[in-house]
Amino acid sequence: MDPKPLECLQGTPIPPFLSKTFDLVDDPELDQIISWTDSGSSFVVWDPIEFARRILPKNFKHNNLSSFVRQLNTYVRMICSSVSVFSRF
């Protein structure tokens, strides 16, 4: 089944940071660097060095993994009542 934004986000514009992150995680060509966990309820950055060196600068205005994690944590706290920011179900 294709990943979809959580129901609680329906009708609300998705912030660019979240949609870019979703696209990166969902890209099978990047699975060696970043991918969904087996449960599909979260994702893992498998190769943080390559992620920061190659992926972040192409998609965001920096190559700082700590900044990416900090921004991601901001959204996770905002959606604290949900299991995760994205759901594959």
C-alpha atoms as a PDB file:
ATOM      1  CA  MET A   1       0.000   0.000   0.000  1.00  0.00           C
ATOM      2  CA  ASP A   2       1.289   3.496  -0.801  1.00  0.00           C
ATOM      3  CA  PRO A   3       2.326   5.766   2.090  1.00  0.00           C
ATOM      4  CA  LYS A   4      -0.186   8.507   2.866  1.00  0.00           C
ATOM      5  CA  PRO A   5      -0.172  11.492   5.211  1.00  0.00           C
ATOM      6  CA  LEU A   6      -1.987  10.861   8.467  1.00  0.00           C
ATOM      7  CA  GLU A   7      -5.722  11.510   8.492  1.00  0.00           C
ATOM      8  CA  CYS A   8      -5.270  14.386  10.956  1.00  0.00           C
ATOM      9  CA  LEU A   9      -3.266  16.272   8.315  1.00  0.00           C
ATOM     10  CA  GLN A  10      -5.915  15.955   5.594  1.00  0.00           C
ATOM     11  CA  GLY A  11      -6.986  19.383   4.365  1.00  0.00           C
ATOM     12  CA  THR A  12      -3.997  21.058   5.995  1.00  0.00           C
ATOM     13  CA  PRO A  13      -1.144  22.153   3.744  1.00  0.00           C
ATOM     14  CA  ILE A  14       1.872  19.917   4.340  1.00  0.00           C
ATOM     15  CA  PRO A  15       4.945  21.963   5.274  1.00  0.00           C
ATOM     16  CA  PRO A  16       7.698  21.709   2.635  1.00  0.00           C
ATOM     17  CA  PHE A  17      10.125  20.193   5.147  1.00  0.00           C
ATOM     18  CA  LEU A  18       7.771  17.282   5.785  1.00  0.00           C
ATOM     19  CA  SER A  19       6.903  16.660   2.150  1.00  0.00           C
ATOM     20  CA  LYS A  20      10.589  16.731   1.152  1.00  0.00           C
ATOM     21  CA  THR A  21      11.467  14.368   3.983  1.00  0.00           C
ATOM     22  CA  PHE A  22       8.627  12.021   3.005  1.00  0.00           C
ATOM     23  CA  ASP A  23       9.809  11.999  -0.615  1.00  0.00           C
ATOM     24  CA  LEU A  24      13.369  11.181   0.449  1.00  0.00           C
ATOM     25  CA  VAL A  25      12.310   8.346   2.735  1.00  0.00           C
ATOM     26  CA  ASP A  26       9.937   6.990   0.106  1.00  0.00           C
ATOM     27  CA  ASP A  27      12.510   7.014  -2.725  1.00  0.00           C
ATOM     28  CA  PRO A  28      13.668   3.406  -3.290  1.00  0.00           C
ATOM     29  CA  GLU A  29      16.895   4.654  -4.885  1.00  0.00           C
ATOM     30  CA  LEU A  30      17.904   6.071  -1.485  1.00  0.00           C
ATOM     31  CA  ASP A  31      17.123   2.946   0.563  1.00  0.00           C
ATOM     32  CA  GLN A  32      20.812   2.388   1.372  1.00  0.00           C
ATOM     33  CA  ILE A  33      20.920   5.868   2.928  1.00  0.00           C
ATOM     34  CA  ILE A  34      17.397   6.480   4.274  1.00  0.00           C
ATOM     35  CA  SER A  35      14.317   4.256   4.249  1.00  0.00           C
ATOM     36  CA  TRP A  36      11.189   3.168   6.055  1.00  0.00           C
ATOM     37  CA  THR A  37      11.501   0.631   8.851  1.00  0.00           C
ATOM     38  CA  ASP A  38       9.854  -2.751   8.305  1.00  0.00           C
ATOM     39  CA  SER A  39       6.752  -1.580  10.179  1.00  0.00           C
ATOM     40  CA  GLY A  40       6.485   1.495   7.935  1.00  0.00           C
ATOM     41  CA  SER A  41       5.678   3.697  10.912  1.00  0.00           C
ATOM     42  CA  SER A  42       9.094   5.356  11.078  1.00  0.00           C
ATOM     43  CA  PHE A  43      12.283   5.722   9.103  1.00  0.00           C
ATOM     44  CA  VAL A  44      16.018   5.280   9.601  1.00  0.00           C
ATOM     45  CA  VAL A  45      18.971   7.217   8.240  1.00  0.00           C
ATOM     46  CA  TRP A  46      21.275   4.255   7.565  1.00  0.00           C
ATOM     47  CA  ASP A  47      24.241   6.297   6.368  1.00  0.00           C
ATOM     48  CA  PRO A  48      24.270   9.648   8.207  1.00  0.00           C
ATOM     49  CA  ILE A  49      27.533  10.782   6.632  1.00  0.00           C
ATOM     50  CA  GLU A  50      26.306  10.245   3.087  1.00  0.00           C
ATOM     51  CA  PHE A  51      22.903  11.696   3.991  1.00  0.00           C
ATOM     52  CA  ALA A  52      24.520  14.903   5.265  1.00  0.00           C
ATOM     53  CA  ARG A  53      27.085  15.102   2.468  1.00  0.00           C
ATOM     54  CA  ARG A  54      24.925  14.285  -0.549  1.00  0.00           C
ATOM     55  CA  ILE A  55      21.195  14.334   0.263  1.00  0.00           C
ATOM     56  CA  LEU A  56      20.687  17.280   2.631  1.00  0.00           C
ATOM     57  CA  PRO A  57      22.327  19.960   0.429  1.00  0.00           C
ATOM     58  CA  LYS A  58      20.276  18.883  -2.600  1.00  0.00           C
ATOM     59  CA  ASN A  59      16.985  19.127  -0.716  1.00  0.00           C
ATOM     60  CA  PHE A  60      17.510  21.645   2.067  1.00  0.00           C
ATOM     61  CA  LYS A  61      19.586  24.791   2.520  1.00  0.00           C
ATOM     62  CA  HIS A  62      22.253  23.052   4.615  1.00  0.00           C
ATOM     63  CA  ASN A  63      24.203  19.844   5.112  1.00  0.00           C
ATOM     64  CA  ASN A  64      23.896  19.722   8.891  1.00  0.00           C
ATOM     65  CA  LEU A  65      22.340  16.488  10.161  1.00  0.00           C
ATOM     66  CA  SER A  66      21.783  18.002  13.624  1.00  0.00           C
ATOM     67  CA  SER A  67      19.711  20.796  12.094  1.00  0.00           C
ATOM     68  CA  PHE A  68      17.651  18.258  10.157  1.00  0.00           C
ATOM     69  CA  VAL A  69      16.990  16.215  13.323  1.00  0.00           C
ATOM     70  CA  ARG A  70      16.136  19.355  15.306  1.00  0.00           C
ATOM     71  CA  GLN A  71      13.615  20.446  12.669  1.00  0.00           C
ATOM     72  CA  LEU A  72      12.153  16.939  12.471  1.00  0.00           C
ATOM     73  CA  ASN A  73      11.759  16.863  16.262  1.00  0.00           C
ATOM     74  CA  THR A  74       9.843  20.145  16.089  1.00  0.00           C
ATOM     75  CA  TYR A  75       7.239  18.515  13.854  1.00  0.00           C
ATOM     76  CA  VAL A  76       7.127  15.318  15.889  1.00  0.00           C
ATOM     77  CA  ARG A  77       6.333  17.351  19.003  1.00  0.00           C
ATOM     78  CA  MET A  78       3.622  19.227  17.090  1.00  0.00           C
ATOM     79  CA  ILE A  79       1.977  15.938  16.140  1.00  0.00           C
ATOM     80  CA  CYS A  80       2.589  14.259  19.487  1.00  0.00           C
ATOM     81  CA  SER A  81      -0.844  12.632  19.588  1.00  0.00           C
ATOM     82  CA  SER A  82      -0.033  10.664  16.408  1.00  0.00           C
ATOM     83  CA  VAL A  83       2.068   7.535  16.171  1.00  0.00           C
ATOM     84  CA  SER A  84       4.339   9.136  13.569  1.00  0.00           C
ATOM     85  CA  VAL A  85       4.419  11.979  11.094  1.00  0.00           C
ATOM     86  CA  PHE A  86       3.718   9.602   8.213  1.00  0.00           C
ATOM     87  CA  SER A  87       1.822   6.387   8.008  1.00  0.00           C
ATOM     88  CA  ARG A  88       2.112   3.745   5.339  1.00  0.00           C
ATOM     89  CA  PHE A  89      -1.402   2.400   6.060  1.00  0.00           C
END
